[in-house]
N, C-alpha and C. Protein backbone atom coordinates (compact mmCIF):
# COMPACT_ATOMS: atom_id res chain seq x y z
N MET A 1 -20.00 2.62 -5.67
CA MET A 1 -18.80 1.96 -6.15
C MET A 1 -18.59 2.29 -7.63
N THR A 2 -17.40 2.78 -7.93
CA THR A 2 -17.10 3.12 -9.31
C THR A 2 -15.85 2.39 -9.77
N GLY A 3 -15.74 2.25 -11.08
CA GLY A 3 -14.57 1.62 -11.67
C GLY A 3 -14.19 2.35 -12.94
N GLY A 4 -13.14 1.87 -13.62
CA GLY A 4 -12.72 2.44 -14.89
C GLY A 4 -12.11 3.82 -14.78
N LYS A 5 -12.31 4.63 -15.82
CA LYS A 5 -11.72 5.97 -15.87
C LYS A 5 -12.25 6.87 -14.76
N ASP A 6 -13.53 6.71 -14.42
CA ASP A 6 -14.09 7.50 -13.32
C ASP A 6 -13.36 7.20 -12.01
N ALA A 7 -13.04 5.93 -11.80
CA ALA A 7 -12.34 5.53 -10.58
C ALA A 7 -10.94 6.14 -10.56
N GLU A 8 -10.26 6.16 -11.70
CA GLU A 8 -8.92 6.77 -11.77
C GLU A 8 -8.99 8.26 -11.43
N LYS A 9 -10.02 8.94 -11.95
CA LYS A 9 -10.19 10.36 -11.65
C LYS A 9 -10.46 10.59 -10.17
N GLN A 10 -11.30 9.72 -9.60
CA GLN A 10 -11.60 9.84 -8.17
C GLN A 10 -10.36 9.60 -7.33
N LEU A 11 -9.60 8.57 -7.69
CA LEU A 11 -8.37 8.28 -6.95
C LEU A 11 -7.41 9.46 -7.04
N ALA A 12 -7.28 10.06 -8.20
CA ALA A 12 -6.43 11.24 -8.36
C ALA A 12 -6.89 12.37 -7.44
N SER A 13 -8.20 12.53 -7.29
CA SER A 13 -8.71 13.59 -6.40
C SER A 13 -8.41 13.26 -4.94
N PHE A 14 -8.42 11.98 -4.58
CA PHE A 14 -8.08 11.59 -3.21
C PHE A 14 -6.60 11.87 -2.94
N LEU A 15 -5.75 11.54 -3.92
CA LEU A 15 -4.31 11.75 -3.77
C LEU A 15 -3.97 13.24 -3.71
N ALA A 16 -4.75 14.06 -4.38
CA ALA A 16 -4.49 15.50 -4.41
C ALA A 16 -4.66 16.16 -3.04
N LYS A 17 -5.29 15.48 -2.11
CA LYS A 17 -5.47 16.01 -0.77
C LYS A 17 -4.15 15.97 0.03
N TYR A 18 -3.20 15.17 -0.43
CA TYR A 18 -1.93 14.98 0.26
C TYR A 18 -0.88 15.95 -0.26
N THR A 19 0.23 16.08 0.49
CA THR A 19 1.35 16.85 -0.02
C THR A 19 1.83 16.18 -1.30
N GLN A 20 2.52 16.92 -2.13
CA GLN A 20 3.03 16.36 -3.39
C GLN A 20 3.95 15.17 -3.13
N GLU A 21 4.77 15.27 -2.09
CA GLU A 21 5.71 14.19 -1.77
C GLU A 21 4.99 12.89 -1.44
N ILE A 22 3.97 12.96 -0.61
CA ILE A 22 3.23 11.75 -0.22
C ILE A 22 2.40 11.24 -1.39
N ALA A 23 1.76 12.13 -2.13
CA ALA A 23 0.98 11.72 -3.31
C ALA A 23 1.88 11.01 -4.32
N ASP A 24 3.06 11.58 -4.59
CA ASP A 24 3.99 10.95 -5.54
C ASP A 24 4.48 9.59 -5.02
N LEU A 25 4.80 9.53 -3.74
CA LEU A 25 5.24 8.26 -3.15
C LEU A 25 4.13 7.21 -3.28
N GLY A 26 2.90 7.60 -2.97
CA GLY A 26 1.78 6.68 -3.09
C GLY A 26 1.60 6.19 -4.52
N GLU A 27 1.70 7.10 -5.48
CA GLU A 27 1.57 6.71 -6.89
C GLU A 27 2.72 5.80 -7.33
N ASP A 28 3.94 6.10 -6.89
CA ASP A 28 5.09 5.25 -7.24
C ASP A 28 4.92 3.84 -6.67
N ILE A 29 4.50 3.75 -5.41
CA ILE A 29 4.28 2.44 -4.79
C ILE A 29 3.15 1.72 -5.49
N ARG A 30 2.09 2.42 -5.80
CA ARG A 30 0.97 1.82 -6.53
C ARG A 30 1.44 1.28 -7.88
N GLY A 31 2.26 2.03 -8.59
CA GLY A 31 2.79 1.57 -9.87
C GLY A 31 3.59 0.28 -9.73
N GLU A 32 4.42 0.20 -8.69
CA GLU A 32 5.20 -1.02 -8.47
C GLU A 32 4.29 -2.19 -8.10
N MET A 33 3.29 -1.94 -7.28
CA MET A 33 2.35 -3.01 -6.90
C MET A 33 1.61 -3.52 -8.13
N ARG A 34 1.25 -2.62 -9.03
CA ARG A 34 0.56 -3.03 -10.26
C ARG A 34 1.48 -3.90 -11.13
N LYS A 35 2.78 -3.58 -11.15
CA LYS A 35 3.73 -4.42 -11.90
C LYS A 35 3.91 -5.78 -11.24
N LEU A 36 3.98 -5.79 -9.92
CA LEU A 36 4.19 -7.05 -9.20
C LEU A 36 2.96 -7.94 -9.22
N TYR A 37 1.78 -7.34 -9.19
CA TYR A 37 0.52 -8.09 -9.12
C TYR A 37 -0.46 -7.55 -10.16
N PRO A 38 -0.18 -7.78 -11.43
CA PRO A 38 -0.97 -7.16 -12.50
C PRO A 38 -2.44 -7.60 -12.56
N THR A 39 -2.75 -8.74 -11.98
CA THR A 39 -4.14 -9.20 -12.03
C THR A 39 -4.92 -8.89 -10.75
N ALA A 40 -4.25 -8.26 -9.79
CA ALA A 40 -4.93 -7.93 -8.54
C ALA A 40 -5.98 -6.85 -8.77
N LEU A 41 -7.06 -6.97 -8.05
CA LEU A 41 -8.04 -5.89 -8.02
C LEU A 41 -7.57 -4.87 -7.00
N GLU A 42 -7.72 -3.60 -7.32
CA GLU A 42 -7.39 -2.53 -6.39
C GLU A 42 -8.69 -2.01 -5.80
N LEU A 43 -8.82 -2.13 -4.50
CA LEU A 43 -10.02 -1.70 -3.80
C LEU A 43 -9.67 -0.45 -2.99
N VAL A 44 -10.32 0.66 -3.29
CA VAL A 44 -9.97 1.94 -2.69
C VAL A 44 -11.00 2.33 -1.63
N TYR A 45 -10.46 2.74 -0.48
CA TYR A 45 -11.26 3.20 0.63
C TYR A 45 -10.69 4.55 1.07
N ASP A 46 -11.41 5.62 0.84
CA ASP A 46 -10.98 6.94 1.30
C ASP A 46 -11.59 7.09 2.69
N ASN A 47 -10.93 6.52 3.68
CA ASN A 47 -11.45 6.40 5.03
C ASN A 47 -11.26 7.65 5.87
N TYR A 48 -11.76 7.59 7.08
CA TYR A 48 -11.62 8.69 8.02
C TYR A 48 -10.14 8.98 8.31
N ASN A 49 -9.36 7.94 8.60
CA ASN A 49 -7.97 8.11 9.00
C ASN A 49 -6.97 8.20 7.86
N ALA A 50 -7.24 7.55 6.75
CA ALA A 50 -6.23 7.45 5.68
C ALA A 50 -6.86 6.99 4.38
N LEU A 51 -6.07 7.10 3.31
CA LEU A 51 -6.45 6.56 2.01
C LEU A 51 -5.86 5.16 1.90
N VAL A 52 -6.71 4.18 1.62
CA VAL A 52 -6.29 2.78 1.57
C VAL A 52 -6.55 2.23 0.17
N ILE A 53 -5.53 1.58 -0.39
CA ILE A 53 -5.68 0.88 -1.67
C ILE A 53 -5.31 -0.57 -1.42
N GLY A 54 -6.32 -1.44 -1.41
CA GLY A 54 -6.12 -2.86 -1.15
C GLY A 54 -5.87 -3.62 -2.43
N TYR A 55 -5.13 -4.72 -2.31
CA TYR A 55 -4.80 -5.58 -3.45
C TYR A 55 -5.22 -7.00 -3.12
N GLY A 56 -6.16 -7.50 -3.91
CA GLY A 56 -6.66 -8.84 -3.66
C GLY A 56 -7.11 -9.52 -4.93
N PRO A 57 -7.44 -10.79 -4.82
CA PRO A 57 -7.87 -11.57 -5.98
C PRO A 57 -9.34 -11.37 -6.34
N SER A 58 -10.12 -10.76 -5.45
CA SER A 58 -11.55 -10.59 -5.70
C SER A 58 -12.01 -9.28 -5.05
N GLU A 59 -13.29 -9.01 -5.16
CA GLU A 59 -13.86 -7.81 -4.54
C GLU A 59 -14.14 -8.00 -3.05
N LYS A 60 -13.89 -9.18 -2.53
CA LYS A 60 -14.11 -9.44 -1.11
C LYS A 60 -12.96 -8.83 -0.31
N PRO A 61 -13.25 -7.86 0.54
CA PRO A 61 -12.18 -7.25 1.34
C PRO A 61 -11.41 -8.27 2.19
N THR A 62 -12.08 -9.31 2.64
CA THR A 62 -11.42 -10.32 3.48
C THR A 62 -10.38 -11.13 2.71
N GLU A 63 -10.42 -11.09 1.39
CA GLU A 63 -9.43 -11.83 0.59
C GLU A 63 -8.25 -10.96 0.18
N ALA A 64 -8.29 -9.66 0.47
CA ALA A 64 -7.17 -8.78 0.12
C ALA A 64 -5.91 -9.26 0.85
N ILE A 65 -4.80 -9.23 0.15
CA ILE A 65 -3.53 -9.71 0.70
C ILE A 65 -2.68 -8.55 1.19
N PHE A 66 -2.71 -7.45 0.45
CA PHE A 66 -1.92 -6.27 0.79
C PHE A 66 -2.80 -5.02 0.73
N SER A 67 -2.32 -3.97 1.35
CA SER A 67 -2.86 -2.64 1.09
C SER A 67 -1.74 -1.64 1.27
N ILE A 68 -1.82 -0.59 0.48
CA ILE A 68 -0.94 0.55 0.73
C ILE A 68 -1.83 1.61 1.37
N VAL A 69 -1.30 2.24 2.40
CA VAL A 69 -2.08 3.19 3.18
C VAL A 69 -1.31 4.50 3.25
N LEU A 70 -1.95 5.56 2.79
CA LEU A 70 -1.34 6.89 2.81
C LEU A 70 -1.80 7.65 4.03
N TYR A 71 -0.82 8.09 4.81
CA TYR A 71 -1.03 8.94 5.97
C TYR A 71 -0.43 10.31 5.63
N PRO A 72 -0.63 11.31 6.46
CA PRO A 72 -0.09 12.63 6.12
C PRO A 72 1.43 12.69 5.98
N LYS A 73 2.16 11.84 6.72
CA LYS A 73 3.63 11.92 6.69
C LYS A 73 4.33 10.69 6.13
N TRP A 74 3.63 9.61 5.85
CA TRP A 74 4.28 8.41 5.35
C TRP A 74 3.27 7.50 4.64
N VAL A 75 3.82 6.47 3.99
CA VAL A 75 3.00 5.47 3.32
C VAL A 75 3.43 4.10 3.85
N SER A 76 2.47 3.29 4.22
CA SER A 76 2.75 1.95 4.73
C SER A 76 2.23 0.88 3.79
N LEU A 77 2.92 -0.27 3.81
CA LEU A 77 2.44 -1.47 3.13
C LEU A 77 1.94 -2.40 4.21
N PHE A 78 0.65 -2.71 4.17
CA PHE A 78 0.06 -3.62 5.14
C PHE A 78 -0.02 -5.02 4.55
N PHE A 79 0.29 -5.98 5.40
CA PHE A 79 0.12 -7.40 5.10
C PHE A 79 -1.15 -7.78 5.83
N LEU A 80 -2.22 -7.98 5.09
CA LEU A 80 -3.55 -8.10 5.69
C LEU A 80 -3.87 -9.48 6.22
N GLN A 81 -3.05 -10.46 5.86
CA GLN A 81 -3.24 -11.82 6.37
C GLN A 81 -1.93 -12.27 7.03
N ALA A 82 -1.42 -11.44 7.91
CA ALA A 82 -0.08 -11.64 8.47
C ALA A 82 -0.01 -12.68 9.59
N LYS A 83 -1.12 -13.19 10.02
CA LYS A 83 -1.08 -14.20 11.08
C LYS A 83 -0.27 -15.40 10.58
N GLY A 84 0.79 -15.70 11.29
CA GLY A 84 1.66 -16.81 10.91
C GLY A 84 2.71 -16.45 9.86
N LEU A 85 2.75 -15.20 9.44
CA LEU A 85 3.71 -14.77 8.43
C LEU A 85 5.10 -14.70 9.08
N PRO A 86 6.05 -15.51 8.60
CA PRO A 86 7.39 -15.45 9.19
C PRO A 86 8.07 -14.12 8.88
N ASP A 87 8.75 -13.57 9.87
CA ASP A 87 9.43 -12.28 9.74
C ASP A 87 10.84 -12.41 10.34
N PRO A 88 11.70 -13.19 9.69
CA PRO A 88 13.03 -13.41 10.26
C PRO A 88 13.87 -12.13 10.38
N ASP A 89 13.63 -11.15 9.54
CA ASP A 89 14.38 -9.89 9.60
C ASP A 89 13.74 -8.87 10.55
N ARG A 90 12.61 -9.25 11.13
CA ARG A 90 11.89 -8.43 12.11
C ARG A 90 11.64 -7.01 11.60
N ILE A 91 11.07 -6.93 10.40
CA ILE A 91 10.78 -5.62 9.82
C ILE A 91 9.31 -5.24 9.92
N LEU A 92 8.45 -6.18 10.28
CA LEU A 92 7.03 -5.86 10.42
C LEU A 92 6.80 -5.03 11.67
N CYS A 93 5.96 -4.03 11.53
CA CYS A 93 5.59 -3.17 12.64
C CYS A 93 4.17 -3.49 13.08
N GLY A 94 3.87 -3.10 14.29
CA GLY A 94 2.52 -3.29 14.80
C GLY A 94 2.41 -4.56 15.61
N SER A 95 1.38 -4.60 16.41
CA SER A 95 1.16 -5.76 17.26
C SER A 95 -0.11 -6.51 16.88
N GLY A 96 -0.61 -6.21 15.69
CA GLY A 96 -1.85 -6.85 15.25
C GLY A 96 -1.71 -8.36 15.14
N THR A 97 -2.78 -9.06 15.46
CA THR A 97 -2.75 -10.52 15.33
C THR A 97 -3.10 -10.96 13.92
N VAL A 98 -3.63 -10.05 13.12
CA VAL A 98 -3.98 -10.37 11.74
C VAL A 98 -3.16 -9.52 10.77
N ALA A 99 -3.24 -8.21 10.87
CA ALA A 99 -2.54 -7.32 9.93
C ALA A 99 -1.33 -6.68 10.60
N ARG A 100 -0.24 -6.58 9.83
CA ARG A 100 0.97 -5.89 10.28
C ARG A 100 1.46 -5.07 9.09
N HIS A 101 2.43 -4.18 9.31
CA HIS A 101 2.84 -3.29 8.22
C HIS A 101 4.32 -2.96 8.27
N ILE A 102 4.77 -2.36 7.17
CA ILE A 102 6.08 -1.73 7.12
C ILE A 102 5.87 -0.36 6.50
N VAL A 103 6.67 0.60 6.93
CA VAL A 103 6.63 1.94 6.36
C VAL A 103 7.60 1.94 5.19
N LEU A 104 7.15 2.44 4.04
CA LEU A 104 7.97 2.44 2.83
C LEU A 104 8.54 3.84 2.57
N PRO A 105 9.86 3.98 2.63
CA PRO A 105 10.45 5.28 2.31
C PRO A 105 10.49 5.56 0.82
N SER A 106 10.34 4.51 0.01
CA SER A 106 10.34 4.65 -1.46
C SER A 106 9.69 3.42 -2.06
N ALA A 107 9.34 3.52 -3.33
CA ALA A 107 8.79 2.36 -4.04
C ALA A 107 9.87 1.29 -4.19
N ALA A 108 11.13 1.69 -4.27
CA ALA A 108 12.24 0.74 -4.41
C ALA A 108 12.32 -0.21 -3.22
N ALA A 109 11.83 0.22 -2.05
CA ALA A 109 11.85 -0.64 -0.87
C ALA A 109 11.07 -1.93 -1.09
N LEU A 110 10.10 -1.91 -2.01
CA LEU A 110 9.35 -3.13 -2.32
C LEU A 110 10.24 -4.22 -2.91
N HIS A 111 11.41 -3.84 -3.40
CA HIS A 111 12.32 -4.79 -4.04
C HIS A 111 13.46 -5.24 -3.14
N LEU A 112 13.49 -4.75 -1.90
CA LEU A 112 14.50 -5.22 -0.97
C LEU A 112 14.25 -6.70 -0.67
N PRO A 113 15.31 -7.50 -0.56
CA PRO A 113 15.12 -8.95 -0.36
C PRO A 113 14.21 -9.32 0.80
N GLU A 114 14.35 -8.63 1.95
CA GLU A 114 13.52 -8.98 3.10
C GLU A 114 12.05 -8.61 2.88
N VAL A 115 11.79 -7.57 2.12
CA VAL A 115 10.41 -7.18 1.81
C VAL A 115 9.82 -8.14 0.78
N ARG A 116 10.58 -8.44 -0.26
CA ARG A 116 10.11 -9.38 -1.30
C ARG A 116 9.82 -10.75 -0.68
N SER A 117 10.66 -11.17 0.23
CA SER A 117 10.45 -12.46 0.90
C SER A 117 9.12 -12.46 1.66
N LEU A 118 8.86 -11.40 2.41
CA LEU A 118 7.58 -11.29 3.12
C LEU A 118 6.41 -11.29 2.15
N MET A 119 6.55 -10.57 1.05
CA MET A 119 5.46 -10.50 0.07
C MET A 119 5.20 -11.86 -0.58
N ARG A 120 6.26 -12.56 -0.93
CA ARG A 120 6.09 -13.91 -1.52
C ARG A 120 5.39 -14.83 -0.53
N GLU A 121 5.82 -14.79 0.71
CA GLU A 121 5.22 -15.64 1.73
C GLU A 121 3.77 -15.26 1.97
N ALA A 122 3.46 -13.97 1.97
CA ALA A 122 2.07 -13.52 2.17
C ALA A 122 1.17 -14.04 1.06
N VAL A 123 1.66 -14.02 -0.17
CA VAL A 123 0.88 -14.54 -1.30
C VAL A 123 0.71 -16.06 -1.16
N ALA A 124 1.77 -16.74 -0.72
CA ALA A 124 1.71 -18.20 -0.60
C ALA A 124 0.71 -18.66 0.46
N ILE A 125 0.57 -17.90 1.56
CA ILE A 125 -0.34 -18.33 2.63
C ILE A 125 -1.72 -17.67 2.56
N ALA A 126 -1.96 -16.86 1.53
CA ALA A 126 -3.22 -16.13 1.41
C ALA A 126 -4.42 -17.07 1.31
N LYS A 127 -5.57 -16.59 1.79
CA LYS A 127 -6.82 -17.36 1.73
C LYS A 127 -7.18 -17.72 0.31
N ALA A 128 -6.97 -16.80 -0.60
CA ALA A 128 -7.27 -17.02 -2.03
C ALA A 128 -6.11 -16.43 -2.83
N PRO A 129 -5.64 -17.15 -3.84
CA PRO A 129 -4.51 -16.65 -4.63
C PRO A 129 -4.95 -15.62 -5.67
N PHE A 130 -3.97 -14.83 -6.13
CA PHE A 130 -4.25 -13.95 -7.26
C PHE A 130 -4.50 -14.84 -8.47
N ASP A 131 -5.46 -14.47 -9.30
CA ASP A 131 -5.79 -15.22 -10.50
C ASP A 131 -4.82 -14.84 -11.60
N SER A 132 -4.03 -15.82 -12.06
CA SER A 132 -3.02 -15.52 -13.08
C SER A 132 -3.65 -15.08 -14.40
N LYS A 133 -4.93 -15.39 -14.60
CA LYS A 133 -5.63 -14.98 -15.82
C LYS A 133 -6.62 -13.86 -15.55
N GLY A 134 -6.56 -13.30 -14.35
CA GLY A 134 -7.49 -12.24 -13.99
C GLY A 134 -7.18 -10.95 -14.72
N VAL A 135 -8.08 -10.00 -14.57
CA VAL A 135 -7.95 -8.69 -15.21
C VAL A 135 -7.97 -7.63 -14.12
N HIS A 136 -7.01 -6.73 -14.16
CA HIS A 136 -6.94 -5.65 -13.18
C HIS A 136 -8.17 -4.76 -13.27
N ARG A 137 -8.65 -4.33 -12.11
CA ARG A 137 -9.69 -3.31 -12.04
C ARG A 137 -9.42 -2.45 -10.82
N LEU A 138 -9.72 -1.18 -10.95
CA LEU A 138 -9.67 -0.24 -9.85
C LEU A 138 -11.10 0.04 -9.44
N ILE A 139 -11.40 -0.20 -8.16
CA ILE A 139 -12.77 -0.08 -7.68
C ILE A 139 -12.79 0.83 -6.46
N ILE A 140 -13.56 1.89 -6.52
CA ILE A 140 -13.74 2.77 -5.36
C ILE A 140 -14.82 2.12 -4.49
N ARG A 141 -14.43 1.66 -3.31
CA ARG A 141 -15.36 0.94 -2.44
C ARG A 141 -16.10 1.87 -1.49
N SER A 142 -15.39 2.86 -0.92
CA SER A 142 -16.09 3.76 0.01
C SER A 142 -15.34 5.08 0.15
N ILE A 143 -16.12 6.10 0.48
CA ILE A 143 -15.58 7.43 0.74
C ILE A 143 -16.22 7.91 2.03
N SER A 144 -15.40 8.16 3.02
CA SER A 144 -15.91 8.64 4.31
C SER A 144 -16.33 10.10 4.18
N PRO A 145 -17.51 10.45 4.67
CA PRO A 145 -17.96 11.84 4.58
C PRO A 145 -17.15 12.78 5.47
N THR A 146 -16.56 12.25 6.54
CA THR A 146 -15.68 13.05 7.39
C THR A 146 -14.31 12.40 7.41
N GLN A 147 -13.28 13.22 7.34
CA GLN A 147 -11.92 12.69 7.28
C GLN A 147 -10.97 13.54 8.09
N ARG A 148 -9.95 12.89 8.61
CA ARG A 148 -8.86 13.62 9.26
C ARG A 148 -8.09 14.36 8.18
N PRO A 149 -7.39 15.42 8.54
CA PRO A 149 -6.58 16.14 7.55
C PRO A 149 -5.58 15.21 6.87
N ARG A 150 -5.40 15.40 5.58
CA ARG A 150 -4.48 14.57 4.81
C ARG A 150 -3.09 15.17 4.74
N ARG A 151 -2.94 16.37 5.25
CA ARG A 151 -1.63 17.03 5.28
C ARG A 151 -1.24 17.25 6.74
N PRO A 152 0.06 17.22 7.02
CA PRO A 152 0.50 17.45 8.40
C PRO A 152 0.06 18.82 8.88
N ALA A 153 -0.32 18.91 10.12
CA ALA A 153 -0.75 20.18 10.71
C ALA A 153 0.38 21.19 10.69
N GLY A 154 0.12 22.37 10.15
CA GLY A 154 1.10 23.44 10.15
C GLY A 154 2.25 23.28 9.18
N GLU A 155 2.16 22.28 8.31
CA GLU A 155 3.23 22.07 7.34
C GLU A 155 2.65 22.09 5.93
N ASP A 156 3.33 22.76 5.03
CA ASP A 156 2.91 22.74 3.63
C ASP A 156 3.45 21.50 2.94
N GLU A 157 4.66 21.14 3.26
CA GLU A 157 5.29 19.96 2.66
C GLU A 157 5.94 19.14 3.76
N VAL A 158 6.04 17.86 3.54
CA VAL A 158 6.70 16.96 4.48
C VAL A 158 8.16 16.87 4.08
N SER A 159 9.06 17.07 5.01
CA SER A 159 10.48 17.05 4.67
C SER A 159 11.03 15.64 4.56
N ALA A 160 10.47 14.69 5.29
CA ALA A 160 10.98 13.33 5.20
C ALA A 160 9.87 12.35 5.56
N VAL A 161 9.85 11.24 4.87
CA VAL A 161 8.90 10.18 5.17
C VAL A 161 9.45 9.40 6.35
N ARG A 162 8.60 9.02 7.28
CA ARG A 162 9.04 8.28 8.46
C ARG A 162 9.33 6.84 8.09
N PRO A 163 10.59 6.46 7.91
CA PRO A 163 10.90 5.08 7.55
C PRO A 163 11.10 4.21 8.78
N THR A 164 10.97 2.90 8.61
CA THR A 164 11.33 1.99 9.68
C THR A 164 12.84 1.89 9.67
N ALA A 165 13.42 1.62 10.80
CA ALA A 165 14.88 1.63 10.92
C ALA A 165 15.54 0.64 9.96
N LYS A 166 15.05 -0.58 9.89
CA LYS A 166 15.71 -1.58 9.05
C LYS A 166 15.54 -1.29 7.57
N ILE A 167 14.40 -0.77 7.17
CA ILE A 167 14.18 -0.46 5.77
C ILE A 167 15.02 0.75 5.37
N GLN A 168 15.14 1.73 6.24
CA GLN A 168 15.84 2.96 5.92
C GLN A 168 17.33 2.71 5.66
N ARG A 169 17.96 1.85 6.43
CA ARG A 169 19.39 1.65 6.33
C ARG A 169 19.81 0.90 5.08
N LYS A 170 18.93 0.12 4.51
CA LYS A 170 19.30 -0.70 3.37
C LYS A 170 19.03 0.03 2.08
N LYS A 171 19.91 -0.15 1.12
CA LYS A 171 19.75 0.49 -0.17
C LYS A 171 19.01 -0.46 -1.11
N ALA A 172 18.29 0.11 -2.04
CA ALA A 172 17.57 -0.69 -3.03
C ALA A 172 18.57 -1.35 -3.96
N PRO A 173 18.22 -2.53 -4.48
CA PRO A 173 19.13 -3.20 -5.41
C PRO A 173 19.27 -2.40 -6.70
N ALA A 174 20.39 -2.60 -7.35
CA ALA A 174 20.64 -1.89 -8.62
C ALA A 174 19.50 -2.16 -9.60
N GLY A 175 19.07 -1.14 -10.28
CA GLY A 175 18.01 -1.29 -11.27
C GLY A 175 16.62 -1.09 -10.72
N ALA A 176 16.46 -1.07 -9.39
CA ALA A 176 15.13 -0.86 -8.81
C ALA A 176 14.77 0.61 -8.88
N ARG A 177 13.50 0.89 -9.15
CA ARG A 177 13.03 2.28 -9.21
C ARG A 177 12.91 2.83 -7.81
N SER A 178 13.13 4.10 -7.70
CA SER A 178 12.89 4.74 -6.40
C SER A 178 11.70 5.67 -6.51
């Protein structure tokens, strides 16, 4: 487990395995998450299937509230404590009884009203709250020795991120970063 500047360098090396489009999207979303939750700890798992960056109030993975997950063709925002999370706009994907997700076509999607509402509710029902006086840290938790390819098979670049239908149709509010 590493932290500090070494962790940032390691994370950059993990992101470099992806196409530029996915790496940039992941960094943009990470930047917005850091602004929204400045005291959250970022827990990084370079897993077999994907690169996962969890956001939680402590180093306990079970207390993480969100994670962004980079796949070869898209980036998802997971709600890790989604059991009982109201989804009136029906934008959550997956059939998980605990974790559910949305695919993010841009970092600006984090500012859409239906996404912000889900995020606020997820924080409100979380097992442990973010510490308002906490200090951000980036922590590399694990690196899988074997991994699936981080780039789409037979493609040098991804032409489009796979968005969810409801997220794709809505435009980001004025002033939101994309």
